[in-house]
Amino acid sequence: MPNATPSTFTDHLAPLLDALPEARGVDAALRLIDDCRRQIAGDSVFSIQQNVTTAHDPIDEIRLSRFYSSEADRFPVKGAKRKTLTPWTECLFVHGRVFVAEGPQALPLHFDDFEQMHALGLQSVINVPLLQGTLCYATFNVFGTRARWLPHEVWGIRLLALAAARWVPVAPGLAQRFAGASLGSPVEV
């Protein structure tokens, strides 16, 4: 599927924003957002990771649980992972900033499961934090097969994340577990 151009981008987003209030539940809403993501980002994989970290988890470690997956057979919903303090976690979970990594060398630097991603031809990512105040309660993630994102694609994914935020609940007992970090300049758009 070809990537959306700036003009067709608005052609896809406006109908989505009109249809979302009528969605009958979380699954229906996220499927609508996923359909629009395909129009904006072309060949890509989409997931939402819910932050399920509690006060009982170790300091400087977060727990994530997959809340939605466009590739549930490869990346199952409820799949879990732990992340320690890295430039990626600092960018999203400490600073609440969008993380963009591009090119074939980028994913191995930031993701433990990059070999699984590489097998799918993925080589770029846009991670958007979903925030409640300053607390990142989930991440909206799009991994693409292209080496570089176009500016309107990044903005489109960011807008889709905002549209999805109301459908992703904050996990019970969610707690910020980073003691205070500064690993340098976080990657952001």
Protein backbone atom coordinates (compact mmCIF):
# COMPACT_ATOMS: atom_id res chain seq x y z
CA MET A 1 0.00 0.00 0.00
CA PRO A 2 1.48 3.39 -0.89
CA ASN A 3 2.22 5.89 1.83
CA ALA A 4 -0.21 8.72 2.35
CA THR A 5 0.68 12.09 0.91
CA PRO A 6 0.04 15.24 2.96
CA SER A 7 -3.26 15.83 1.13
CA THR A 8 -4.52 12.24 1.34
CA PHE A 9 -3.42 12.18 4.95
CA THR A 10 -6.22 14.61 5.88
CA ASP A 11 -8.62 12.58 3.72
CA HIS A 12 -8.03 9.59 6.04
CA LEU A 13 -7.86 11.38 9.37
CA ALA A 14 -11.06 13.44 9.16
CA PRO A 15 -13.37 10.41 8.63
CA LEU A 16 -11.62 8.59 11.49
CA LEU A 17 -12.17 11.47 13.88
CA ASP A 18 -15.83 11.60 12.84
CA ALA A 19 -16.29 7.82 13.28
CA LEU A 20 -14.52 7.35 16.63
CA PRO A 21 -17.29 8.76 18.85
CA GLU A 22 -19.62 6.12 17.38
CA ALA A 23 -17.22 3.21 18.04
CA ARG A 24 -18.81 0.46 20.12
CA GLY A 25 -16.01 -0.21 22.55
CA VAL A 26 -12.24 -0.26 22.74
CA ASP A 27 -11.65 -2.97 20.11
CA ALA A 28 -13.80 -1.23 17.51
CA ALA A 29 -12.13 2.14 18.17
CA LEU A 30 -8.62 0.73 17.97
CA ARG A 31 -9.45 -1.13 14.75
CA LEU A 32 -10.59 2.19 13.22
CA ILE A 33 -7.34 3.82 14.35
CA ASP A 34 -5.38 0.84 13.03
CA ASP A 35 -7.05 1.16 9.60
CA CYS A 36 -6.10 4.83 9.47
CA ARG A 37 -2.55 3.98 10.59
CA ARG A 38 -2.19 1.70 7.56
CA GLN A 39 -3.23 4.57 5.29
CA ILE A 40 -0.72 6.94 6.89
CA ALA A 41 2.25 4.64 7.55
CA GLY A 42 1.84 1.97 4.88
CA ASP A 43 3.60 -1.32 5.61
CA SER A 44 4.02 -1.14 9.37
CA VAL A 45 3.26 -2.82 12.68
CA PHE A 46 1.22 -1.06 15.35
CA SER A 47 0.92 -1.72 19.07
CA ILE A 48 -0.04 -0.01 22.28
CA GLN A 49 1.97 -0.91 25.37
CA GLN A 50 0.25 -0.19 28.66
CA ASN A 51 2.49 0.82 31.56
CA VAL A 52 1.58 -1.57 34.39
CA THR A 53 4.37 -0.60 36.79
CA THR A 54 3.37 -0.46 40.47
CA ALA A 55 5.02 0.83 43.62
CA HIS A 56 6.16 -2.77 44.29
CA ASP A 57 8.37 -2.88 41.19
CA PRO A 58 12.08 -2.05 41.43
CA ILE A 59 13.18 1.58 41.08
CA ASP A 60 14.34 2.47 37.54
CA GLU A 61 12.41 -0.39 35.97
CA ILE A 62 9.03 -0.35 34.27
CA ARG A 63 6.69 -3.16 33.27
CA LEU A 64 4.78 -2.99 30.02
CA SER A 65 1.85 -5.11 28.85
CA ARG A 66 0.70 -5.12 25.23
CA PHE A 67 -2.80 -3.65 25.13
CA TYR A 68 -3.29 -3.76 21.34
CA SER A 69 -1.38 -5.35 18.47
CA SER A 70 -1.88 -5.23 14.72
CA GLU A 71 0.17 -8.45 14.55
CA ALA A 72 -1.29 -10.39 17.47
CA ASP A 73 0.08 -13.69 16.14
CA ARG A 74 3.68 -12.39 16.37
CA PHE A 75 3.24 -9.79 19.11
CA PRO A 76 0.37 -11.09 21.28
CA VAL A 77 -1.88 -8.89 23.36
CA LYS A 78 -0.98 -9.17 27.05
CA GLY A 79 2.62 -9.95 26.09
CA ALA A 80 4.76 -8.40 28.80
CA LYS A 81 8.25 -6.98 29.08
CA ARG A 82 10.39 -5.13 31.58
CA LYS A 83 12.41 -2.09 30.62
CA THR A 84 15.25 -0.50 32.53
CA LEU A 85 16.42 3.09 32.39
CA THR A 86 17.74 3.78 28.87
CA PRO A 87 17.61 6.79 26.54
CA TRP A 88 14.37 5.28 25.12
CA THR A 89 12.64 4.91 28.50
CA GLU A 90 13.91 8.30 29.64
CA CYS A 91 12.54 9.98 26.51
CA LEU A 92 9.07 8.44 26.82
CA PHE A 93 8.57 7.78 30.52
CA VAL A 94 10.62 10.53 32.20
CA HIS A 95 10.31 13.40 29.71
CA GLY A 96 7.02 12.41 28.03
CA ARG A 97 8.45 13.05 24.56
CA VAL A 98 7.93 11.35 21.23
CA PHE A 99 10.71 8.92 20.27
CA VAL A 100 11.64 8.45 16.62
CA ALA A 101 14.38 6.07 15.46
CA GLU A 102 15.19 5.56 11.80
CA GLY A 103 17.43 3.38 9.70
CA PRO A 104 18.60 -0.22 9.87
CA GLN A 105 20.99 0.44 12.78
CA ALA A 106 18.40 2.20 14.97
CA LEU A 107 16.22 -0.63 16.26
CA PRO A 108 19.09 -2.78 17.64
CA LEU A 109 20.18 0.20 19.75
CA HIS A 110 16.86 0.50 21.56
CA PHE A 111 14.92 -2.78 21.45
CA ASP A 112 15.83 -6.19 22.88
CA ASP A 113 13.51 -7.94 20.42
CA PHE A 114 14.97 -6.26 17.33
CA GLU A 115 15.75 -9.61 15.69
CA GLN A 116 12.05 -10.42 15.59
CA MET A 117 11.44 -6.95 14.14
CA HIS A 118 14.26 -7.35 11.60
CA ALA A 119 12.70 -10.60 10.35
CA LEU A 120 9.60 -8.53 9.44
CA GLY A 121 11.70 -5.96 7.60
CA LEU A 122 11.09 -3.28 10.24
CA GLN A 123 13.70 -0.55 10.43
CA SER A 124 12.10 2.56 11.89
CA VAL A 125 9.81 3.44 14.79
CA ILE A 126 7.63 6.21 16.14
CA ASN A 127 6.74 5.84 19.85
CA VAL A 128 4.26 8.35 21.24
CA PRO A 129 3.72 8.56 25.01
CA LEU A 130 0.12 8.63 26.20
CA LEU A 131 0.17 10.94 29.19
CA GLN A 132 -1.98 11.65 32.21
CA GLY A 133 -0.40 14.79 33.55
CA THR A 134 3.30 13.96 33.48
CA LEU A 135 2.83 10.21 33.91
CA CYS A 136 3.27 8.07 30.77
CA TYR A 137 0.57 5.42 31.16
CA ALA A 138 1.04 3.83 27.72
CA THR A 139 2.97 4.09 24.48
CA PHE A 140 1.51 4.19 20.97
CA ASN A 141 4.02 2.44 18.70
CA VAL A 142 4.35 2.23 14.93
CA PHE A 143 7.26 0.28 13.45
CA GLY A 144 7.80 0.80 9.73
CA THR A 145 9.59 -1.02 6.94
CA ARG A 146 10.91 2.25 5.55
CA ALA A 147 14.30 3.62 6.64
CA ARG A 148 12.97 7.17 7.15
CA TRP A 149 9.64 8.72 8.11
CA LEU A 150 8.20 11.68 6.25
CA PRO A 151 7.23 14.63 8.48
CA HIS A 152 3.51 14.30 7.74
CA GLU A 153 3.66 10.59 8.68
CA VAL A 154 5.16 11.45 12.08
CA TRP A 155 2.47 14.07 12.66
CA GLY A 156 -0.23 11.65 11.53
CA ILE A 157 0.94 8.97 13.96
CA ARG A 158 1.06 11.56 16.75
CA LEU A 159 -2.52 12.58 15.99
CA LEU A 160 -3.64 8.95 15.95
CA ALA A 161 -2.04 8.49 19.37
CA LEU A 162 -4.05 11.42 20.70
CA ALA A 163 -7.21 9.90 19.24
CA ALA A 164 -6.39 6.52 20.84
CA ALA A 165 -5.59 7.93 24.28
CA ARG A 166 -9.21 8.04 25.43
CA TRP A 167 -9.60 4.31 24.70
CA VAL A 168 -6.56 3.16 26.71
CA PRO A 169 -7.17 2.99 30.46
CA VAL A 170 -4.60 3.81 33.09
CA ALA A 171 -3.55 0.57 34.79
CA PRO A 172 -4.67 0.18 38.42
CA GLY A 173 -1.93 1.11 40.87
CA LEU A 174 0.28 2.71 38.21
CA ALA A 175 3.36 4.33 39.76
CA GLN A 176 6.35 6.23 38.38
CA ARG A 177 9.45 4.21 39.24
CA PHE A 178 12.28 6.26 37.77
CA ALA A 179 14.17 7.95 40.57
CA GLY A 180 15.21 10.90 38.45
CA ALA A 181 17.18 10.48 35.31
CA SER A 182 19.24 12.38 32.88
CA LEU A 183 21.06 10.19 30.42
CA GLY A 184 21.66 13.02 28.01
CA SER A 185 19.54 14.49 25.29
CA PRO A 186 16.51 12.28 24.62
CA VAL A 187 15.49 11.62 21.05
CA GLU A 188 12.37 13.55 20.12
CA VAL A 189 10.49 15.08 17.24
